[in-house]
Protein backbone atom coordinates (compact mmCIF):
# COMPACT_ATOMS: atom_id res chain seq x y z
CA MET A 1 240.27 -102.30 -126.88
CA THR A 2 240.00 -100.20 -130.46
CA ALA A 3 243.20 -97.95 -131.49
CA LEU A 4 242.50 -94.96 -133.81
CA VAL A 5 244.98 -94.51 -136.32
CA THR A 6 245.49 -91.23 -138.76
CA GLY A 7 248.05 -91.47 -141.37
CA ALA A 8 247.53 -95.49 -141.54
CA GLY A 9 248.66 -94.94 -145.09
CA GLY A 10 252.16 -93.17 -144.75
CA PHE A 11 255.24 -94.58 -144.42
CA LEU A 12 255.29 -95.18 -140.66
CA GLY A 13 251.49 -95.35 -140.21
CA ARG A 14 251.51 -98.89 -142.43
CA HIS A 15 254.20 -100.08 -139.73
CA LEU A 16 252.16 -99.10 -137.00
CA VAL A 17 248.67 -100.36 -138.19
CA ALA A 18 250.58 -104.01 -139.03
CA HIS A 19 252.22 -104.50 -135.31
CA LEU A 20 248.50 -103.24 -133.89
CA ALA A 21 246.93 -106.45 -135.80
CA LYS A 22 250.12 -108.33 -134.22
CA LEU A 23 248.66 -107.64 -130.67
CA GLY A 24 245.14 -108.16 -131.93
CA ILE A 25 244.23 -104.45 -131.37
CA PRO A 26 240.97 -103.98 -133.77
CA VAL A 27 241.81 -100.49 -136.28
CA VAL A 28 240.32 -98.02 -137.32
CA THR A 29 241.87 -95.64 -139.79
CA LEU A 30 240.98 -91.46 -140.15
CA GLY A 31 242.54 -90.11 -143.38
CA ARG A 32 241.63 -88.50 -146.78
CA SER A 33 240.38 -91.27 -148.17
CA ILE A 34 239.19 -94.93 -146.98
CA PRO A 35 241.48 -97.63 -148.15
CA PRO A 36 240.33 -100.14 -150.97
CA GLY A 37 238.58 -103.29 -149.70
CA ALA A 38 238.39 -101.44 -145.97
CA ALA A 39 235.28 -103.05 -143.71
CA PRO A 40 232.55 -101.11 -142.82
CA GLY A 41 233.29 -99.18 -139.93
CA SER A 42 236.82 -99.36 -139.97
CA ALA A 43 238.14 -96.45 -142.01
CA PHE A 44 236.49 -92.78 -142.11
CA ALA A 45 237.42 -90.09 -144.76
CA LEU A 46 238.20 -86.45 -143.58
CA ALA A 47 237.66 -84.08 -146.23
CA ASP A 48 239.17 -81.37 -144.57
CA PRO A 49 241.54 -82.08 -140.95
CA ALA A 50 240.71 -78.41 -140.09
CA ASP A 51 237.11 -80.10 -139.55
CA GLY A 52 236.45 -80.00 -136.23
CA ALA A 53 233.08 -81.33 -136.20
CA ALA A 54 233.74 -84.01 -138.26
CA ILE A 55 236.81 -84.99 -136.31
CA ARG A 56 234.49 -84.97 -133.62
CA ALA A 57 231.35 -86.77 -135.20
CA VAL A 58 233.84 -90.09 -135.97
CA MET A 59 235.48 -90.14 -132.32
CA GLU A 60 232.03 -90.55 -131.22
CA GLN A 61 231.20 -93.15 -133.06
CA VAL A 62 234.36 -95.32 -132.79
CA ARG A 63 234.67 -94.05 -129.39
CA PRO A 64 238.59 -95.49 -129.16
CA SER A 65 240.90 -96.29 -126.44
CA LEU A 66 244.05 -95.51 -128.08
CA VAL A 67 244.21 -92.59 -130.25
CA PHE A 68 247.74 -92.77 -132.49
CA HIS A 69 248.26 -89.06 -134.82
CA LEU A 70 250.56 -89.60 -136.77
CA ALA A 71 249.34 -87.86 -140.01
CA GLY A 72 251.40 -84.94 -141.32
CA THR A 73 252.64 -82.90 -144.17
CA PRO A 74 256.50 -81.78 -145.07
CA ALA A 75 255.37 -79.72 -147.48
CA PRO A 76 256.28 -76.18 -146.81
CA GLU A 77 253.94 -74.35 -149.35
CA PRO A 78 251.24 -73.60 -149.24
CA LEU A 79 251.34 -72.35 -145.81
CA ALA A 80 247.53 -72.75 -144.66
CA GLU A 81 247.73 -76.02 -145.26
CA ALA A 82 251.17 -77.30 -143.30
CA TYR A 83 249.33 -75.70 -140.22
CA ARG A 84 245.64 -77.39 -141.12
CA VAL A 85 247.30 -80.96 -141.28
CA ASN A 86 250.31 -80.27 -138.64
CA THR A 87 248.67 -78.42 -136.06
CA LEU A 88 244.84 -77.74 -136.48
CA PHE A 89 244.61 -81.57 -137.12
CA GLY A 90 246.24 -82.42 -134.08
CA ALA A 91 243.96 -79.57 -131.60
CA HIS A 92 240.80 -80.84 -133.04
CA LEU A 93 241.40 -84.48 -132.36
CA LEU A 94 242.64 -83.54 -128.76
CA ALA A 95 239.22 -81.19 -128.27
CA ALA A 96 237.27 -83.93 -129.51
CA ALA A 97 238.77 -86.56 -127.23
CA ARG A 98 238.53 -84.88 -124.32
CA VAL A 99 234.60 -84.25 -124.55
CA LEU A 100 234.12 -87.99 -124.68
CA ASP A 101 232.53 -89.68 -121.38
CA ALA A 102 235.80 -92.14 -121.44
CA PRO A 103 238.65 -90.09 -122.85
CA PRO A 104 241.27 -91.99 -125.13
CA ARG A 105 244.98 -92.20 -124.74
CA VAL A 106 246.15 -90.05 -127.41
CA LEU A 107 249.49 -89.77 -129.06
CA LEU A 108 251.15 -87.31 -130.65
CA ALA A 109 254.00 -87.51 -133.53
CA GLY A 110 256.36 -84.85 -133.46
CA SER A 111 259.45 -84.52 -134.90
CA ALA A 112 263.38 -83.68 -133.86
CA ALA A 113 262.62 -80.83 -136.60
CA GLU A 114 260.66 -78.91 -133.23
CA TYR A 115 264.43 -78.21 -131.72
CA GLY A 116 265.85 -76.58 -135.09
CA PRO A 117 269.19 -75.87 -135.26
CA VAL A 118 271.39 -77.24 -132.27
CA ALA A 119 275.17 -76.49 -131.47
CA GLU A 120 277.51 -79.26 -131.21
CA ASP A 121 278.04 -78.78 -127.51
CA ALA A 122 274.45 -79.08 -126.70
CA LEU A 123 274.12 -82.74 -128.60
CA PRO A 124 272.93 -85.38 -127.99
CA VAL A 125 269.95 -83.29 -127.94
CA GLU A 126 267.22 -83.94 -124.55
CA GLU A 127 263.65 -83.14 -124.44
CA THR A 128 264.20 -80.32 -122.11
CA ALA A 129 266.59 -78.17 -125.00
CA PRO A 130 264.43 -74.89 -126.09
CA CYS A 131 263.05 -75.41 -129.24
CA ARG A 132 263.91 -72.78 -131.80
CA PRO A 133 262.39 -74.47 -135.30
CA VAL A 134 262.98 -72.38 -138.43
CA ALA A 135 261.11 -73.82 -140.90
CA PRO A 136 257.48 -74.48 -141.48
CA TYR A 137 257.43 -78.20 -140.54
CA GLY A 138 259.41 -77.59 -137.63
CA ILE A 139 257.31 -74.95 -136.31
CA THR A 140 253.64 -76.14 -137.51
CA LYS A 141 255.01 -79.52 -135.21
CA LEU A 142 255.79 -77.83 -132.11
CA ALA A 143 252.65 -76.27 -132.40
CA GLN A 144 250.99 -79.16 -132.30
CA THR A 145 252.98 -80.13 -129.50
CA LEU A 146 252.09 -77.13 -127.39
CA HIS A 147 247.99 -78.17 -127.95
CA GLY A 148 249.15 -81.46 -126.78
CA LEU A 149 250.84 -80.17 -123.66
CA ALA A 150 247.98 -78.34 -122.80
CA ALA A 151 245.56 -81.35 -123.02
CA ALA A 152 247.57 -82.91 -120.71
CA ASP A 153 247.67 -80.13 -118.60
CA ALA A 154 243.67 -80.08 -118.57
CA GLY A 155 243.98 -83.96 -117.72
CA LEU A 156 244.37 -85.62 -120.84
CA PRO A 157 246.15 -88.60 -121.01
CA VAL A 158 248.62 -87.05 -124.12
CA VAL A 159 252.32 -88.45 -125.07
CA VAL A 160 254.18 -86.37 -127.71
CA ALA A 161 256.62 -88.74 -129.32
CA ARG A 162 259.37 -86.71 -130.82
CA LEU A 163 260.25 -89.26 -133.45
CA PHE A 164 263.95 -88.64 -135.08
CA ASN A 165 265.25 -90.08 -138.44
CA ILE A 166 262.98 -93.01 -139.12
CA VAL A 167 264.11 -95.33 -141.72
CA GLY A 168 262.70 -98.99 -143.49
CA ALA A 169 260.77 -100.15 -146.28
CA GLY A 170 258.00 -97.53 -147.50
CA MET A 171 260.17 -94.76 -147.11
CA PRO A 172 258.81 -91.44 -149.63
CA ALA A 173 260.41 -89.89 -152.01
CA HIS A 174 261.00 -86.89 -150.59
CA LEU A 175 263.15 -88.56 -147.89
CA ALA A 176 266.75 -88.69 -148.78
CA LEU A 177 267.62 -92.19 -148.20
CA GLY A 178 264.10 -92.68 -150.05
CA SER A 179 265.28 -91.16 -152.89
CA PHE A 180 268.37 -92.72 -152.78
CA ALA A 181 266.88 -96.19 -153.04
CA ARG A 182 264.67 -95.04 -155.67
CA GLN A 183 267.14 -93.65 -158.11
CA ILE A 184 269.92 -96.71 -157.57
CA ALA A 185 266.73 -99.14 -158.12
CA ALA A 186 266.13 -97.64 -161.40
CA MET A 187 269.92 -97.68 -162.67
CA PRO A 188 270.78 -100.70 -165.20
CA ALA A 189 272.98 -103.42 -164.13
CA GLU A 190 275.57 -101.28 -165.48
CA GLY A 191 275.16 -98.70 -162.63
CA GLY A 192 275.42 -94.97 -162.96
CA THR A 193 275.96 -91.78 -160.46
CA LEU A 194 274.24 -91.22 -157.85
CA ARG A 195 274.11 -87.60 -157.00
CA SER A 196 273.42 -86.40 -154.08
CA GLY A 197 274.32 -83.38 -151.26
CA PRO A 198 276.79 -83.77 -148.67
CA LEU A 199 277.32 -87.64 -147.20
CA ASP A 200 279.03 -86.50 -143.93
CA ARG A 201 275.70 -85.59 -142.12
CA GLU A 202 275.23 -87.45 -139.17
CA ARG A 203 271.52 -88.47 -138.09
CA ASP A 204 270.03 -90.79 -135.49
CA PHE A 205 268.31 -93.25 -138.03
CA VAL A 206 266.35 -95.67 -136.01
CA GLU A 207 264.06 -98.48 -137.73
CA ALA A 208 260.30 -98.00 -138.85
CA GLY A 209 259.21 -101.79 -137.56
CA PRO A 210 260.88 -101.27 -133.72
CA VAL A 211 259.75 -97.69 -133.61
CA ALA A 212 256.13 -98.63 -134.27
CA ALA A 213 256.19 -101.31 -131.29
CA ALA A 214 257.75 -98.19 -128.80
CA LEU A 215 254.82 -96.18 -129.78
CA VAL A 216 252.38 -98.66 -129.19
CA ALA A 217 254.22 -99.48 -125.41
CA LEU A 218 254.86 -95.79 -124.63
CA LEU A 219 251.10 -95.00 -125.31
CA GLN A 220 250.19 -97.63 -123.01
CA ASP A 221 252.55 -96.59 -120.26
CA PRO A 222 251.09 -94.08 -117.60
CA ARG A 223 254.46 -92.68 -117.27
CA ALA A 224 255.02 -91.10 -120.48
CA ALA A 225 251.33 -89.38 -120.00
CA GLY A 226 251.85 -85.80 -120.35
CA ARG A 227 255.13 -85.89 -121.45
CA VAL A 228 257.39 -85.32 -124.96
CA VAL A 229 259.68 -88.16 -125.36
CA ASN A 230 262.42 -88.38 -127.99
CA VAL A 231 261.66 -91.94 -130.19
CA CYS A 232 265.65 -92.01 -130.85
CA SER A 233 268.60 -94.25 -130.64
CA GLY A 234 270.61 -91.61 -129.11
CA LYS A 235 273.68 -93.07 -131.06
CA PRO A 236 274.45 -90.87 -134.55
CA THR A 237 275.44 -92.32 -138.19
CA SER A 238 276.72 -90.70 -140.97
CA LEU A 239 274.55 -90.26 -144.27
CA ALA A 240 277.56 -91.66 -146.42
CA VAL A 241 277.23 -95.34 -144.29
CA MET A 242 273.36 -95.84 -145.26
CA VAL A 243 274.26 -94.84 -148.85
CA ARG A 244 277.63 -96.80 -148.94
CA ALA A 245 275.27 -99.93 -148.12
CA LEU A 246 272.36 -99.28 -150.63
CA VAL A 247 275.10 -99.29 -153.04
CA ALA A 248 276.70 -102.60 -152.00
CA ALA A 249 273.09 -104.23 -151.63
CA SER A 250 272.42 -102.92 -155.29
CA GLY A 251 275.27 -105.05 -156.35
CA LYS A 252 275.78 -102.46 -159.12
CA PRO A 253 278.46 -100.02 -159.51
CA VAL A 254 277.57 -96.90 -158.60
CA THR A 255 279.43 -93.64 -158.54
CA LEU A 256 278.93 -91.17 -155.65
CA ARG A 257 278.84 -87.26 -156.74
CA GLN A 258 278.20 -84.89 -154.15
CA GLU A 259 277.34 -81.85 -155.22
CA THR A 260 277.73 -78.48 -153.29
CA GLY A 261 274.41 -76.43 -152.81
CA ARG A 262 272.64 -79.42 -152.50
CA PHE A 263 270.71 -80.06 -148.87
CA GLY A 264 267.95 -81.69 -147.39
CA ASN A 265 265.62 -80.79 -145.13
CA SER A 266 268.67 -79.48 -142.67
CA ASP A 267 271.81 -78.58 -143.45
CA MET A 268 273.15 -79.06 -140.11
CA ILE A 269 276.25 -81.64 -140.04
CA ARG A 270 275.58 -83.43 -136.87
CA HIS A 271 272.09 -84.02 -135.18
CA TRP A 272 270.83 -86.88 -132.93
CA GLY A 273 268.88 -87.34 -129.61
CA SER A 274 268.91 -88.30 -126.31
CA ALA A 275 267.71 -91.74 -126.04
CA ALA A 276 267.84 -91.26 -121.65
CA LEU A 277 264.34 -90.78 -120.98
CA LEU A 278 263.16 -93.75 -123.78
CA ALA A 279 265.25 -95.80 -121.89
CA SER A 280 264.40 -94.75 -118.20
CA LEU A 281 260.31 -96.06 -119.33
CA GLY A 282 261.82 -99.10 -120.13
CA HIS A 283 262.01 -98.61 -124.15
CA VAL A 284 265.49 -98.81 -126.11
CA LEU A 285 265.89 -98.58 -129.57
CA GLY A 286 268.95 -99.37 -131.26
CA ALA A 287 270.59 -97.86 -134.44
CA ALA A 288 269.32 -98.42 -137.76
CA ASP A 289 271.55 -101.26 -139.31
CA PRO A 290 272.84 -99.87 -142.70
CA VAL A 291 272.81 -103.49 -144.40
CA ARG A 292 269.13 -104.61 -143.22
CA VAL A 293 267.58 -100.98 -144.01
CA ALA A 294 269.41 -101.41 -147.58
CA ASP A 295 268.26 -104.23 -148.10
CA ALA A 296 264.44 -103.55 -147.13
CA LEU A 297 264.80 -99.99 -149.35
CA LEU A 298 265.76 -101.97 -152.73
CA GLY A 299 263.80 -104.83 -152.16
CA GLN A 300 260.10 -102.44 -151.44
CA SER A 301 257.99 -102.45 -154.47
CA PRO A 302 256.70 -99.01 -155.59
CA SER A 303 253.40 -99.01 -153.86
CA GLN A 304 255.45 -99.11 -150.63
CA GLY A 305 257.29 -95.70 -150.91
CA ALA A 306 254.01 -93.74 -152.25
C-alpha cells in the first residue's frame, strides 16, 4: 500500500504524513517542490497544478492505493490561481486516478467554507445543507467537491472530507490563532497588546493530529465512499476561550484590544458542524482542548508554521 499526498508540506499535511509513517504506510508527495533530503521516487515536483498530463504521469508511475489531496490556497487573488489550485488540481487527480488499472481510493480535503453563511436555526450545519459560499475559497473548494462527487458517481471511490477549524502546532499565520500565537511569542517578557477582531466568534475547533487519523480511517472505510463527511467535533468554542488559553500559557501580561472592522475569513458569529455522520461511521473527534492547543502553538518553531 502506498499513499500519494498533496499539500504534504502544509499544516495538516505534516500531521497526516507523520500519522501515515506511524502506520507504516509508505508516502509519496506531490507538490510545488521536492523537500530537501527526499529519497528518490518519494517526492515529485509539479510546476503547474493544472497540468493534467504531468499529474497523470506521476499517478501512472506511483500507482498509489490511497490518494490524500490536501493541497489548496486560501488566497483569493489572483482568482485564476485559486481555481487552478483549489479546483483544477483535484479534478486532474481524479481524472488520472480513474484511468489506472487499479484505481486508488481518493480523499479530497474540502472546507466548511463551502457552506457559506448559515442561519442560527440551521446550526449545527449538516452535510445535506445547501452550499452557498460567498468567497473565492469556498466557491473553488465547492467546485472541487462537485468534481469529486461526479467521479464517485462514475465508480471511483472518493470521499470528500469537509474540514472545519483545524488547530495545533504548525498553524500558518493567515489563520487567527496562528497569528495570535506568533504575536504573543514575539512580545518581550513584560508583555504587550494583542490586537484582534471580535473574539466572541464561535467555531468548531478540532486538533490536527486526531483529524489526520480520522482522514486515514475515512479513506479506508468503504461506507464513506461517494459521500461528503463533516470532519468536526459538533461543538462550538469561542475564539475568546482559545486566546485566553494562549495568554495564560505564555505567562506574559497581555492586554487584549478588540478592534471593530477587523474580521477573519468570515464575520459569522457562530458556525459549527454536525458530527453525526462522522460518528455513525465510527469516528469521533473531540473539541480542541484550549490548553493543549496553546502549549503546542507557543512551543512550535517558526518553520513549523511556515
